[in-house]
C-alpha atoms as a PDB file:
ATOM      1  CA  MET A   1      22.118 -23.596 -34.357  1.00  0.00           C
ATOM      2  CA  VAL A   2      21.533 -23.997 -30.649  1.00  0.00           C
ATOM      3  CA  GLN A   3      18.266 -25.052 -29.039  1.00  0.00           C
ATOM      4  CA  LEU A   4      17.409 -23.490 -25.673  1.00  0.00           C
ATOM      5  CA  HIS A   5      14.878 -24.950 -23.263  1.00  0.00           C
ATOM      6  CA  ILE A   6      13.243 -22.045 -21.415  1.00  0.00           C
ATOM      7  CA  LYS A   7      11.894 -22.900 -17.973  1.00  0.00           C
ATOM      8  CA  ASN A   8      10.251 -21.090 -15.091  1.00  0.00           C
ATOM      9  CA  GLY A   9      11.812 -22.806 -12.109  1.00  0.00           C
ATOM     10  CA  SER A  10      11.569 -26.480 -13.016  1.00  0.00           C
ATOM     11  CA  GLU A  11       8.489 -25.999 -15.203  1.00  0.00           C
ATOM     12  CA  SER A  12       9.024 -26.192 -18.952  1.00  0.00           C
ATOM     13  CA  GLN A  13       7.831 -23.165 -20.954  1.00  0.00           C
ATOM     14  CA  PHE A  14       9.068 -23.367 -24.562  1.00  0.00           C
ATOM     15  CA  LEU A  15      11.962 -24.259 -26.860  1.00  0.00           C
ATOM     16  CA  LEU A  16      13.887 -21.606 -28.772  1.00  0.00           C
ATOM     17  CA  ASP A  17      16.280 -21.925 -31.700  1.00  0.00           C
ATOM     18  CA  THR A  18      19.196 -19.494 -31.678  1.00  0.00           C
ATOM     19  CA  THR A  19      22.883 -19.288 -32.589  1.00  0.00           C
ATOM     20  CA  VAL A  20      26.127 -19.061 -30.629  1.00  0.00           C
ATOM     21  CA  ASP A  21      26.801 -15.695 -32.260  1.00  0.00           C
ATOM     22  CA  VAL A  22      23.784 -13.879 -30.821  1.00  0.00           C
ATOM     23  CA  ALA A  23      24.493 -11.267 -28.150  1.00  0.00           C
ATOM     24  CA  VAL A  24      23.274 -12.137 -24.659  1.00  0.00           C
ATOM     25  CA  GLU A  25      21.344  -8.861 -24.485  1.00  0.00           C
ATOM     26  CA  ASP A  26      19.517  -9.590 -27.762  1.00  0.00           C
ATOM     27  CA  LEU A  27      18.782 -13.165 -26.716  1.00  0.00           C
ATOM     28  CA  THR A  28      17.414 -12.031 -23.353  1.00  0.00           C
ATOM     29  CA  ARG A  29      15.195  -9.507 -25.092  1.00  0.00           C
ATOM     30  CA  LEU A  30      13.822 -12.160 -27.474  1.00  0.00           C
ATOM     31  CA  VAL A  31      13.150 -14.688 -24.702  1.00  0.00           C
ATOM     32  CA  THR A  32      11.363 -11.987 -22.688  1.00  0.00           C
ATOM     33  CA  GLN A  33       9.225 -10.947 -25.680  1.00  0.00           C
ATOM     34  CA  ILE A  34       8.143 -14.524 -26.383  1.00  0.00           C
ATOM     35  CA  TYR A  35       7.486 -15.256 -22.713  1.00  0.00           C
ATOM     36  CA  ASN A  36       5.402 -12.102 -22.240  1.00  0.00           C
ATOM     37  CA  GLY A  37       3.672 -12.674 -25.576  1.00  0.00           C
ATOM     38  CA  ARG A  38       2.563 -16.112 -24.422  1.00  0.00           C
ATOM     39  CA  LEU A  39       1.226 -14.587 -21.189  1.00  0.00           C
ATOM     40  CA  LYS A  40      -0.687 -12.045 -23.254  1.00  0.00           C
ATOM     41  CA  VAL A  41      -2.261 -14.762 -25.413  1.00  0.00           C
ATOM     42  CA  ASP A  42      -3.229 -16.646 -22.264  1.00  0.00           C
ATOM     43  CA  ARG A  43      -4.861 -13.567 -20.712  1.00  0.00           C
ATOM     44  CA  ILE A  44      -6.833 -12.840 -23.878  1.00  0.00           C
ATOM     45  CA  CYS A  45      -7.980 -16.463 -24.152  1.00  0.00           C
ATOM     46  CA  THR A  46      -9.219 -16.348 -20.564  1.00  0.00           C
ATOM     47  CA  GLU A  47     -11.234 -13.194 -21.256  1.00  0.00           C
ATOM     48  CA  ILE A  48     -12.515 -14.523 -24.606  1.00  0.00           C
ATOM     49  CA  ASN A  49     -13.938 -17.489 -22.744  1.00  0.00           C
ATOM     50  CA  GLU A  50     -15.880 -15.043 -20.541  1.00  0.00           C
ATOM     51  CA  LEU A  51     -16.845 -12.967 -23.582  1.00  0.00           C
ATOM     52  CA  ALA A  52     -18.327 -16.051 -25.253  1.00  0.00           C
ATOM     53  CA  GLU A  53     -20.273 -16.929 -22.114  1.00  0.00           C
ATOM     54  CA  HIS A  54     -21.483 -13.526 -20.877  1.00  0.00           C
ATOM     55  CA  GLY A  55     -20.856 -10.813 -23.473  1.00  0.00           C
ATOM     56  CA  THR A  56     -18.901  -7.592 -23.208  1.00  0.00           C
ATOM     57  CA  PHE A  57     -17.347  -5.963 -20.128  1.00  0.00           C
ATOM     58  CA  LEU A  58     -19.599  -3.717 -18.064  1.00  0.00           C
ATOM     59  CA  PRO A  59     -18.480  -0.148 -17.350  1.00  0.00           C
ATOM     60  CA  ILE A  60     -16.354  -0.105 -14.195  1.00  0.00           C
ATOM     61  CA  ASN A  61     -18.981   1.815 -12.186  1.00  0.00           C
ATOM     62  CA  MET A  62     -21.575  -0.936 -12.847  1.00  0.00           C
ATOM     63  CA  GLN A  63     -19.480  -3.991 -12.045  1.00  0.00           C
ATOM     64  CA  GLY A  64     -20.462  -6.049  -9.013  1.00  0.00           C
ATOM     65  CA  LEU A  65     -23.763  -4.217  -8.510  1.00  0.00           C
ATOM     66  CA  THR A  66     -27.140  -5.911  -8.295  1.00  0.00           C
ATOM     67  CA  ASP A  67     -29.903  -5.099 -10.778  1.00  0.00           C
ATOM     68  CA  GLU A  68     -31.677  -3.160  -8.024  1.00  0.00           C
ATOM     69  CA  GLN A  69     -28.591  -1.078  -7.276  1.00  0.00           C
ATOM     70  CA  ILE A  70     -28.061  -0.313 -10.963  1.00  0.00           C
ATOM     71  CA  GLU A  71     -31.673   0.786 -11.264  1.00  0.00           C
ATOM     72  CA  GLU A  72     -31.517   2.854  -8.085  1.00  0.00           C
ATOM     73  CA  LEU A  73     -28.335   4.616  -9.239  1.00  0.00           C
ATOM     74  CA  LYS A  74     -29.832   5.051 -12.742  1.00  0.00           C
ATOM     75  CA  LEU A  75     -26.771   3.541 -14.424  1.00  0.00           C
ATOM     76  CA  LYS A  76     -26.801   2.353 -18.023  1.00  0.00           C
ATOM     77  CA  ASP A  77     -24.411   0.336 -20.152  1.00  0.00           C
ATOM     78  CA  GLU A  78     -24.394   2.558 -23.229  1.00  0.00           C
ATOM     79  CA  TRP A  79     -21.906   0.288 -25.004  1.00  0.00           C
ATOM     80  CA  ALA A  80     -24.348  -2.636 -24.948  1.00  0.00           C
ATOM     81  CA  GLU A  81     -26.324  -1.086 -27.811  1.00  0.00           C
ATOM     82  CA  LYS A  82     -23.195  -0.297 -29.834  1.00  0.00           C
ATOM     83  CA  CYS A  83     -21.316  -3.572 -29.378  1.00  0.00           C
ATOM     84  CA  VAL A  84     -23.868  -6.190 -30.408  1.00  0.00           C
ATOM     85  CA  PRO A  85     -22.538  -9.603 -31.511  1.00  0.00           C
ATOM     86  CA  SER A  86     -23.236 -10.800 -35.055  1.00  0.00           C
ATOM     87  CA  GLY A  87     -26.592 -12.571 -35.239  1.00  0.00           C
ATOM     88  CA  GLY A  88     -27.833 -11.020 -32.019  1.00  0.00           C
ATOM     89  CA  PHE A  89     -27.321 -12.106 -28.440  1.00  0.00           C
ATOM     90  CA  GLU A  90     -28.615 -14.620 -25.920  1.00  0.00           C
ATOM     91  CA  PHE A  91     -28.943 -13.350 -22.368  1.00  0.00           C
ATOM     92  CA  LYS A  92     -26.737 -15.255 -19.922  1.00  0.00           C
ATOM     93  CA  LYS A  93     -26.349 -13.415 -16.638  1.00  0.00           C
ATOM     94  CA  ASP A  94     -22.817 -13.063 -15.288  1.00  0.00           C
ATOM     95  CA  GLU A  95     -23.140 -13.952 -11.609  1.00  0.00           C
ATOM     96  CA  ILE A  96     -19.809 -12.257 -10.885  1.00  0.00           C
ATOM     97  CA  GLY A  97     -21.148  -9.001 -12.300  1.00  0.00           C
ATOM     98  CA  ARG A  98     -18.267  -8.232 -14.676  1.00  0.00           C
ATOM     99  CA  ARG A  99     -20.034  -8.663 -18.019  1.00  0.00           C
ATOM    100  CA  ASN A 100     -23.421  -7.528 -19.342  1.00  0.00           C
ATOM    101  CA  GLY A 101     -24.905 -10.979 -20.079  1.00  0.00           C
ATOM    102  CA  HIS A 102     -25.423 -10.295 -23.816  1.00  0.00           C
ATOM    103  CA  ALA A 103     -23.669 -13.465 -24.967  1.00  0.00           C
ATOM    104  CA  PRO A 104     -23.100 -14.312 -28.661  1.00  0.00           C
ATOM    105  CA  ASN A 105     -25.367 -16.964 -30.175  1.00  0.00           C
ATOM    106  CA  GLN A 106     -24.129 -20.549 -30.390  1.00  0.00           C
ATOM    107  CA  SER A 107     -22.525 -20.262 -33.847  1.00  0.00           C
ATOM    108  CA  MET A 108     -20.608 -17.105 -32.919  1.00  0.00           C
ATOM    109  CA  LYS A 109     -19.653 -18.612 -29.573  1.00  0.00           C
ATOM    110  CA  ALA A 110     -18.199 -21.566 -31.471  1.00  0.00           C
ATOM    111  CA  VAL A 111     -16.035 -19.189 -33.539  1.00  0.00           C
ATOM    112  CA  LEU A 112     -14.546 -17.675 -30.382  1.00  0.00           C
ATOM    113  CA  THR A 113     -14.088 -21.018 -28.632  1.00  0.00           C
ATOM    114  CA  LYS A 114     -12.470 -22.787 -31.597  1.00  0.00           C
ATOM    115  CA  THR A 115     -10.088 -19.888 -32.298  1.00  0.00           C
ATOM    116  CA  LYS A 116      -9.163 -19.635 -28.621  1.00  0.00           C
ATOM    117  CA  GLU A 117      -8.167 -23.302 -28.530  1.00  0.00           C
ATOM    118  CA  GLU A 118      -6.125 -22.992 -31.742  1.00  0.00           C
ATOM    119  CA  ALA A 119      -4.281 -19.918 -30.457  1.00  0.00           C
ATOM    120  CA  LYS A 120      -3.487 -21.576 -27.124  1.00  0.00           C
ATOM    121  CA  ALA A 121      -2.209 -24.708 -28.885  1.00  0.00           C
ATOM    122  CA  LEU A 122       0.117 -22.609 -31.033  1.00  0.00           C
ATOM    123  CA  ILE A 123       2.112 -21.331 -28.043  1.00  0.00           C
ATOM    124  CA  SER A 124       1.358 -24.176 -25.617  1.00  0.00           C
ATOM    125  CA  LYS A 125       3.941 -25.717 -23.293  1.00  0.00           C
ATOM    126  CA  LYS A 126       3.143 -28.983 -25.086  1.00  0.00           C
ATOM    127  CA  GLN A 127       5.097 -27.675 -28.068  1.00  0.00           C
ATOM    128  CA  ALA A 128       8.269 -28.331 -26.077  1.00  0.00           C
ATOM    129  CA  GLN A 129       7.206 -31.938 -25.531  1.00  0.00           C
ATOM    130  CA  ALA A 130       6.738 -32.265 -29.296  1.00  0.00           C
ATOM    131  CA  ASN A 131      10.208 -30.717 -29.835  1.00  0.00           C
ATOM    132  CA  VAL A 132       8.639 -27.705 -31.615  1.00  0.00           C
ATOM    133  CA  CYS A 133      10.350 -24.355 -31.079  1.00  0.00           C
ATOM    134  CA  VAL A 134       8.175 -21.298 -30.414  1.00  0.00           C
ATOM    135  CA  THR A 135       8.974 -18.092 -32.272  1.00  0.00           C
ATOM    136  CA  MET A 136       7.795 -14.501 -31.974  1.00  0.00           C
ATOM    137  CA  GLU A 137       6.051 -15.006 -35.312  1.00  0.00           C
ATOM    138  CA  MET A 138       3.978 -17.803 -33.759  1.00  0.00           C
ATOM    139  CA  VAL A 139       3.013 -15.524 -30.870  1.00  0.00           C
ATOM    140  CA  LYS A 140       1.947 -12.804 -33.335  1.00  0.00           C
ATOM    141  CA  GLU A 141      -0.017 -15.369 -35.363  1.00  0.00           C
ATOM    142  CA  ALA A 142      -1.891 -16.459 -32.231  1.00  0.00           C
ATOM    143  CA  LEU A 143      -2.730 -12.829 -31.427  1.00  0.00           C
ATOM    144  CA  ASP A 144      -3.881 -12.195 -35.021  1.00  0.00           C
ATOM    145  CA  GLN A 145      -6.138 -15.257 -34.885  1.00  0.00           C
ATOM    146  CA  LEU A 146      -7.753 -14.026 -31.683  1.00  0.00           C
ATOM    147  CA  ARG A 147      -8.139 -10.488 -33.010  1.00  0.00           C
ATOM    148  CA  GLY A 148      -9.747 -11.801 -36.204  1.00  0.00           C
ATOM    149  CA  ALA A 149     -12.243 -13.976 -34.323  1.00  0.00           C
ATOM    150  CA  VAL A 150     -13.308 -11.051 -32.122  1.00  0.00           C
ATOM    151  CA  MET A 151     -13.780  -8.861 -35.211  1.00  0.00           C
ATOM    152  CA  ILE A 152     -15.983 -11.534 -36.819  1.00  0.00           C
ATOM    153  CA  VAL A 153     -18.198 -11.861 -33.766  1.00  0.00           C
ATOM    154  CA  TYR A 154     -18.135  -8.166 -32.845  1.00  0.00           C
ATOM    155  CA  PRO A 155     -17.816  -6.233 -36.147  1.00  0.00           C
ATOM    156  CA  MET A 156     -18.532  -2.962 -34.302  1.00  0.00           C
ATOM    157  CA  GLY A 157     -15.688  -3.685 -31.901  1.00  0.00           C
ATOM    158  CA  LEU A 158     -15.584  -4.033 -28.124  1.00  0.00           C
ATOM    159  CA  PRO A 159     -16.008  -1.305 -25.486  1.00  0.00           C
ATOM    160  CA  PRO A 160     -12.740   0.564 -24.823  1.00  0.00           C
ATOM    161  CA  HIS A 161     -12.817  -0.604 -21.188  1.00  0.00           C
ATOM    162  CA  ASP A 162     -13.054  -4.283 -22.159  1.00  0.00           C
ATOM    163  CA  PRO A 163      -9.819  -6.114 -21.183  1.00  0.00           C
ATOM    164  CA  ILE A 164      -9.643  -7.776 -24.608  1.00  0.00           C
ATOM    165  CA  HIS A 165      -9.807  -4.404 -26.366  1.00  0.00           C
ATOM    166  CA  GLN A 166      -7.108  -3.066 -24.054  1.00  0.00           C
ATOM    167  CA  GLU A 167      -4.883  -6.104 -24.665  1.00  0.00           C
ATOM    168  CA  PHE A 168      -5.080  -5.669 -28.428  1.00  0.00           C
ATOM    169  CA  ASP A 169      -4.296  -1.946 -28.066  1.00  0.00           C
ATOM    170  CA  GLY A 170      -1.357  -2.627 -25.729  1.00  0.00           C
ATOM    171  CA  LYS A 171      -3.082  -0.730 -22.911  1.00  0.00           C
ATOM    172  CA  GLU A 172      -3.724  -3.680 -20.607  1.00  0.00           C
ATOM    173  CA  ASP A 173      -3.705  -3.023 -16.866  1.00  0.00           C
ATOM    174  CA  LEU A 174      -1.413  -5.561 -15.186  1.00  0.00           C
ATOM    175  CA  SER A 175      -1.412  -3.910 -11.773  1.00  0.00           C
ATOM    176  CA  GLY A 176      -2.066  -6.438  -9.035  1.00  0.00           C
ATOM    177  CA  LEU A 177      -1.121  -9.420 -11.211  1.00  0.00           C
ATOM    178  CA  GLN A 178       1.614 -11.537  -9.660  1.00  0.00           C
ATOM    179  CA  ALA A 179       2.021 -13.362 -12.979  1.00  0.00           C
ATOM    180  CA  GLY A 180       2.996 -10.124 -14.687  1.00  0.00           C
ATOM    181  CA  LYS A 181       5.546  -9.471 -17.367  1.00  0.00           C
ATOM    182  CA  MET A 182       8.834 -11.316 -17.271  1.00  0.00           C
ATOM    183  CA  GLN A 183      11.796  -9.297 -16.113  1.00  0.00           C
ATOM    184  CA  SER A 184      15.452 -10.215 -16.293  1.00  0.00           C
ATOM    185  CA  HIS A 185      15.098 -12.269 -13.109  1.00  0.00           C
ATOM    186  CA  GLY A 186      12.188 -14.309 -14.480  1.00  0.00           C
ATOM    187  CA  ALA A 187       8.411 -14.227 -14.046  1.00  0.00           C
ATOM    188  CA  PRO A 188       6.994 -14.441 -10.519  1.00  0.00           C
ATOM    189  CA  ALA A 189       4.406 -17.050  -9.650  1.00  0.00           C
ATOM    190  CA  ARG A 190       0.679 -16.318  -9.759  1.00  0.00           C
ATOM    191  CA  GLU A 191      -0.933 -15.440  -6.444  1.00  0.00           C
ATOM    192  CA  PRO A 192      -3.299 -18.122  -5.115  1.00  0.00           C
ATOM    193  CA  VAL A 193      -6.965 -17.353  -5.723  1.00  0.00           C
ATOM    194  CA  ILE A 194      -8.985 -16.422  -2.620  1.00  0.00           C
ATOM    195  CA  ASN A 195     -12.265 -18.322  -2.412  1.00  0.00           C
ATOM    196  CA  GLU A 196     -15.558 -16.828  -1.248  1.00  0.00           C
ATOM    197  CA  ASP A 197     -15.387 -18.210   2.313  1.00  0.00           C
ATOM    198  CA  ASP A 198     -11.850 -16.898   2.836  1.00  0.00           C
ATOM    199  CA  GLN A 199     -12.904 -13.532   1.443  1.00  0.00           C
ATOM    200  CA  LYS A 200     -15.774 -13.338   3.962  1.00  0.00           C
ATOM    201  CA  GLN A 201     -13.409 -14.221   6.811  1.00  0.00           C
ATOM    202  CA  MET A 202     -11.011 -11.499   5.729  1.00  0.00           C
ATOM    203  CA  MET A 203     -13.812  -8.935   5.530  1.00  0.00           C
ATOM    204  CA  MET A 204     -15.066  -9.882   9.022  1.00  0.00           C
ATOM    205  CA  TYR A 205     -11.535  -9.780  10.427  1.00  0.00           C
ATOM    206  CA  TYR A 206     -10.773  -6.311   9.067  1.00  0.00           C
ATOM    207  CA  TYR A 207     -14.209  -5.023  10.044  1.00  0.00           C
ATOM    208  CA  ARG A 208     -13.639  -6.084  13.671  1.00  0.00           C
ATOM    209  CA  ARG A 209     -10.172  -4.555  13.545  1.00  0.00           C
ATOM    210  CA  GLN A 210     -11.577  -1.278  12.241  1.00  0.00           C
ATOM    211  CA  GLU A 211     -14.187  -1.192  15.009  1.00  0.00           C
ATOM    212  CA  GLU A 212     -11.529  -1.788  17.661  1.00  0.00           C
ATOM    213  CA  LEU A 213      -9.414   1.033  16.232  1.00  0.00           C
ATOM    214  CA  LYS A 214     -12.388   3.377  16.506  1.00  0.00           C
ATOM    215  CA  LYS A 215     -12.751   2.466  20.168  1.00  0.00           C
ATOM    216  CA  LEU A 216      -9.037   3.137  20.707  1.00  0.00           C
ATOM    217  CA  ASP A 217      -9.409   6.637  19.340  1.00  0.00           C
ATOM    218  CA  GLU A 218     -12.111   7.225  21.931  1.00  0.00           C
ATOM    219  CA  ASN A 219     -10.337   5.545  24.904  1.00  0.00           C
ATOM    220  CA  ASP A 220      -6.756   6.554  24.022  1.00  0.00           C
ATOM    221  CA  ASP A 221      -5.181   3.595  25.836  1.00  0.00           C
ATOM    222  CA  GLN A 222      -3.022   0.595  24.922  1.00  0.00           C
ATOM    223  CA  SER A 223      -5.331  -2.195  26.066  1.00  0.00           C
ATOM    224  CA  TYR A 224      -5.589  -3.196  22.420  1.00  0.00           C
ATOM    225  CA  LEU A 225      -2.297  -5.079  22.790  1.00  0.00           C
ATOM    226  CA  ASP A 226      -4.196  -7.858  24.570  1.00  0.00           C
ATOM    227  CA  SER A 227      -6.797  -8.141  21.786  1.00  0.00           C
ATOM    228  CA  THR A 228      -6.703 -11.083  19.374  1.00  0.00           C
ATOM    229  CA  TRP A 229      -7.059  -8.829  16.363  1.00  0.00           C
ATOM    230  CA  ALA A 230      -3.820  -7.045  17.307  1.00  0.00           C
ATOM    231  CA  ASP A 231      -1.930 -10.273  16.684  1.00  0.00           C
ATOM    232  CA  ARG A 232      -0.713  -9.981  13.081  1.00  0.00           C
ATOM    233  CA  HIS A 233      -0.689 -13.791  12.785  1.00  0.00           C
ATOM    234  CA  ALA A 234      -4.302 -14.201  13.919  1.00  0.00           C
ATOM    235  CA  LEU A 235      -5.863 -14.129  10.459  1.00  0.00           C
ATOM    236  CA  LYS A 236      -3.404 -16.713   9.163  1.00  0.00           C
ATOM    237  CA  ARG A 237      -4.153 -19.051  12.079  1.00  0.00           C
ATOM    238  CA  GLN A 238      -7.865 -18.596  11.507  1.00  0.00           C
ATOM    239  CA  PHE A 239      -7.549 -19.800   7.906  1.00  0.00           C
ATOM    240  CA  GLN A 240      -5.397 -22.741   8.991  1.00  0.00           C
ATOM    241  CA  GLY A 241      -7.875 -23.782  11.683  1.00  0.00           C
ATOM    242  CA  VAL A 242      -5.355 -23.541  14.547  1.00  0.00           C
ATOM    243  CA  ASN A 243      -6.844 -20.574  16.372  1.00  0.00           C
ATOM    244  CA  ASP A 244      -7.536 -22.293  19.700  1.00  0.00           C
ATOM    245  CA  ILE A 245      -4.392 -24.391  20.057  1.00  0.00           C
ATOM    246  CA  LYS A 246      -2.560 -23.739  23.308  1.00  0.00           C
ATOM    247  CA  TRP A 247       1.062 -24.611  23.926  1.00  0.00           C
ATOM    248  CA  GLY A 248       2.670 -25.828  27.166  1.00  0.00           C
ATOM    249  CA  PRO A 249       2.258 -28.720  29.606  1.00  0.00           C
ATOM    250  CA  ARG A 250      -1.194 -29.975  30.439  1.00  0.00           C
ATOM    251  CA  LYS A 251      -2.555 -29.185  33.866  1.00  0.00           C
END
């Protein structure tokens, strides 16, 4: 037997027992399956945490809207009446606007939370520190534990558009995720999260740029080259707080 220590860069991921007789192609496939399986467990655990706090996923056309906008557009979450947690729900508004706020009661929330922690521990990076090898069977066990907990709390199932439902069905949408599935060259790093202030700055920047482009269409000249928004490094400097720095000798 040979023990492999799988890493992403210098960061430890998991230990794997194998043999010197295994084909490189088969070994690569197994490592990739375990790595991606662990990512899948992690994604589900993240969403289960939100499920426990704020209930099921809203339909896509209702997400991010205010109550007034939903009422004005006459939208309705039809799945809210079908996917009721065992024992009823407690309303806890999702300020992000992704979930419907029909959270499970405390006892059902505890089922989800406890199972989530057990599943994460099963495939945790800490297993390598304890000299415990991770297998595909352990990944499947973690997924089965999570699936069972969701079935207990939501016996009628989750809406088909809920990320947890899609993960269990193998229909998850990973587009836009930098920490996507592992390929032969390894898994890329996760993109840094953009905070609210940065998001507002970006929106203002692109709004001003769009307005300037409209003016260009009307004027049909190249004076835009002298505009600050035309500088492709301007937004980066704005975030770094170095917008007004001037270079050269003092006068």
